[in-house]
Amino acid sequence: MRIPTILRTYTGGAADVSGDGATLREVLQKLDADYPGIGARILDENGKLRRFVNVYVGDEDVRFADGLDTATPPGTQISVIPAVAGGQ
C-alpha cells in the first residue's frame, strides 16, 4: 500500500506498507490496527472514505468500483492519494 507523505507520520516514515484483506475495508482495518490513527485520516466518522481522499486498487478509483468492498487480491497495489485543491 502506498502511503502519501502527509500520512507517513503514522507509518514511521514508510512510504509503502503491506496489508492483508480480501476487500479494501479489511485492508484499511488492518492498516489502522498496525498504525493506530491512520484509519481516521482516510475514513470519516461514518466509516466512509473522506471526501478529499482518493484510493486506488490497482489503477481503479474505488469510488467508481465497489468502494470499500472493492476486492484486493494478493499482490494488488493500493494507493492512498489526498486530493489537491486550490488555484485561481
C-alpha atoms as a PDB file:
ATOM      1  CA  MET A   1       0.000   0.000   0.000  1.00  0.00           C
ATOM      2  CA  ARG A   2       1.369   3.427  -0.995  1.00  0.00           C
ATOM      3  CA  ILE A   3       1.122   5.982   1.793  1.00  0.00           C
ATOM      4  CA  PRO A   4       1.156   9.702   0.929  1.00  0.00           C
ATOM      5  CA  THR A   5       3.750  11.928   2.579  1.00  0.00           C
ATOM      6  CA  ILE A   6       1.184  13.624   4.796  1.00  0.00           C
ATOM      7  CA  LEU A   7       0.219  10.284   6.427  1.00  0.00           C
ATOM      8  CA  ARG A   8       3.714   8.855   6.834  1.00  0.00           C
ATOM      9  CA  THR A   9       3.954  10.145  10.393  1.00  0.00           C
ATOM     10  CA  TYR A  10       1.612   7.250  11.238  1.00  0.00           C
ATOM     11  CA  THR A  11       3.813   4.685   9.480  1.00  0.00           C
ATOM     12  CA  GLY A  12       7.146   5.819  10.918  1.00  0.00           C
ATOM     13  CA  GLY A  13       8.017   7.469   7.619  1.00  0.00           C
ATOM     14  CA  ALA A  14       7.374   4.382   5.486  1.00  0.00           C
ATOM     15  CA  ALA A  15       6.066   5.163   2.001  1.00  0.00           C
ATOM     16  CA  ASP A  16       4.995   1.554   1.399  1.00  0.00           C
ATOM     17  CA  VAL A  17       3.398  -0.785   3.904  1.00  0.00           C
ATOM     18  CA  SER A  18       1.844  -4.203   3.480  1.00  0.00           C
ATOM     19  CA  GLY A  19      -1.686  -5.097   4.384  1.00  0.00           C
ATOM     20  CA  ASP A  20      -3.947  -8.099   4.366  1.00  0.00           C
ATOM     21  CA  GLY A  21      -7.579  -8.439   3.462  1.00  0.00           C
ATOM     22  CA  ALA A  22      -9.928  -9.630   0.769  1.00  0.00           C
ATOM     23  CA  THR A  23     -11.514  -6.179   0.459  1.00  0.00           C
ATOM     24  CA  LEU A  24     -10.325  -2.615   0.816  1.00  0.00           C
ATOM     25  CA  ARG A  25     -12.336  -2.340   4.042  1.00  0.00           C
ATOM     26  CA  GLU A  26     -10.407  -5.267   5.556  1.00  0.00           C
ATOM     27  CA  VAL A  27      -7.066  -3.864   4.391  1.00  0.00           C
ATOM     28  CA  LEU A  28      -7.837  -0.478   5.957  1.00  0.00           C
ATOM     29  CA  GLN A  29      -8.913  -2.124   9.225  1.00  0.00           C
ATOM     30  CA  LYS A  30      -5.601  -3.997   9.343  1.00  0.00           C
ATOM     31  CA  LEU A  31      -3.717  -0.826   8.434  1.00  0.00           C
ATOM     32  CA  ASP A  32      -5.340   1.044  11.325  1.00  0.00           C
ATOM     33  CA  ALA A  33      -4.587  -1.835  13.707  1.00  0.00           C
ATOM     34  CA  ASP A  34      -0.920  -1.784  12.655  1.00  0.00           C
ATOM     35  CA  TYR A  35      -0.670   2.032  12.519  1.00  0.00           C
ATOM     36  CA  PRO A  36      -3.191   3.447  15.022  1.00  0.00           C
ATOM     37  CA  GLY A  37      -4.879   6.661  13.949  1.00  0.00           C
ATOM     38  CA  ILE A  38      -4.245   6.378  10.221  1.00  0.00           C
ATOM     39  CA  GLY A  39      -7.715   4.974   9.594  1.00  0.00           C
ATOM     40  CA  ALA A  40      -9.372   8.148  10.903  1.00  0.00           C
ATOM     41  CA  ARG A  41      -7.418  10.166   8.338  1.00  0.00           C
ATOM     42  CA  ILE A  42      -8.745   8.002   5.482  1.00  0.00           C
ATOM     43  CA  LEU A  43     -12.281   7.267   6.703  1.00  0.00           C
ATOM     44  CA  ASP A  44     -14.789   9.678   8.222  1.00  0.00           C
ATOM     45  CA  GLU A  45     -16.786   9.176  11.428  1.00  0.00           C
ATOM     46  CA  ASN A  46     -19.377   7.177   9.450  1.00  0.00           C
ATOM     47  CA  GLY A  47     -16.773   4.767   8.094  1.00  0.00           C
ATOM     48  CA  LYS A  48     -16.858   6.168   4.564  1.00  0.00           C
ATOM     49  CA  LEU A  49     -13.906   7.422   2.547  1.00  0.00           C
ATOM     50  CA  ARG A  50     -13.187  11.034   3.356  1.00  0.00           C
ATOM     51  CA  ARG A  51     -14.240  13.439   0.637  1.00  0.00           C
ATOM     52  CA  PHE A  52     -10.725  14.620  -0.169  1.00  0.00           C
ATOM     53  CA  VAL A  53      -9.021  11.223  -0.087  1.00  0.00           C
ATOM     54  CA  ASN A  54      -8.806   9.105  -3.227  1.00  0.00           C
ATOM     55  CA  VAL A  55      -7.980   5.416  -3.024  1.00  0.00           C
ATOM     56  CA  TYR A  56      -6.938   3.274  -5.959  1.00  0.00           C
ATOM     57  CA  VAL A  57      -6.826  -0.505  -6.095  1.00  0.00           C
ATOM     58  CA  GLY A  58      -4.524  -1.182  -8.996  1.00  0.00           C
ATOM     59  CA  ASP A  59      -5.385   1.576 -11.465  1.00  0.00           C
ATOM     60  CA  GLU A  60      -9.051   1.794 -10.469  1.00  0.00           C
ATOM     61  CA  ASP A  61     -10.519   4.566  -8.318  1.00  0.00           C
ATOM     62  CA  VAL A  62     -12.600   2.677  -5.734  1.00  0.00           C
ATOM     63  CA  ARG A  63     -15.315   5.351  -5.858  1.00  0.00           C
ATOM     64  CA  PHE A  64     -16.118   4.033  -9.352  1.00  0.00           C
ATOM     65  CA  ALA A  65     -15.749   0.387  -8.340  1.00  0.00           C
ATOM     66  CA  ASP A  66     -17.250  -1.208  -5.220  1.00  0.00           C
ATOM     67  CA  GLY A  67     -15.993   1.398  -2.748  1.00  0.00           C
ATOM     68  CA  LEU A  68     -14.731  -0.155   0.465  1.00  0.00           C
ATOM     69  CA  ASP A  69     -15.969  -3.541  -0.772  1.00  0.00           C
ATOM     70  CA  THR A  70     -13.563  -3.446  -3.730  1.00  0.00           C
ATOM     71  CA  ALA A  71     -11.677  -6.748  -3.920  1.00  0.00           C
ATOM     72  CA  THR A  72      -7.967  -6.625  -3.074  1.00  0.00           C
ATOM     73  CA  PRO A  73      -6.357  -9.787  -4.454  1.00  0.00           C
ATOM     74  CA  PRO A  74      -2.897 -10.662  -3.078  1.00  0.00           C
ATOM     75  CA  GLY A  75      -0.183  -8.537  -4.669  1.00  0.00           C
ATOM     76  CA  THR A  76      -2.527  -5.720  -5.672  1.00  0.00           C
ATOM     77  CA  GLN A  77      -1.099  -2.212  -5.254  1.00  0.00           C
ATOM     78  CA  ILE A  78      -3.321   0.089  -3.198  1.00  0.00           C
ATOM     79  CA  SER A  79      -2.615   3.829  -3.293  1.00  0.00           C
ATOM     80  CA  VAL A  80      -3.984   6.476  -0.941  1.00  0.00           C
ATOM     81  CA  ILE A  81      -3.866   9.880  -2.607  1.00  0.00           C
ATOM     82  CA  PRO A  82      -5.050  13.071  -0.925  1.00  0.00           C
ATOM     83  CA  ALA A  83      -6.926  15.354  -3.286  1.00  0.00           C
ATOM     84  CA  VAL A  84      -5.222  18.647  -4.076  1.00  0.00           C
ATOM     85  CA  ALA A  85      -7.323  21.785  -4.276  1.00  0.00           C
ATOM     86  CA  GLY A  86      -6.558  25.390  -4.917  1.00  0.00           C
ATOM     87  CA  GLY A  87      -5.657  27.695  -7.727  1.00  0.00           C
ATOM     88  CA  GLN A  88      -7.468  30.644  -9.173  1.00  0.00           C
END
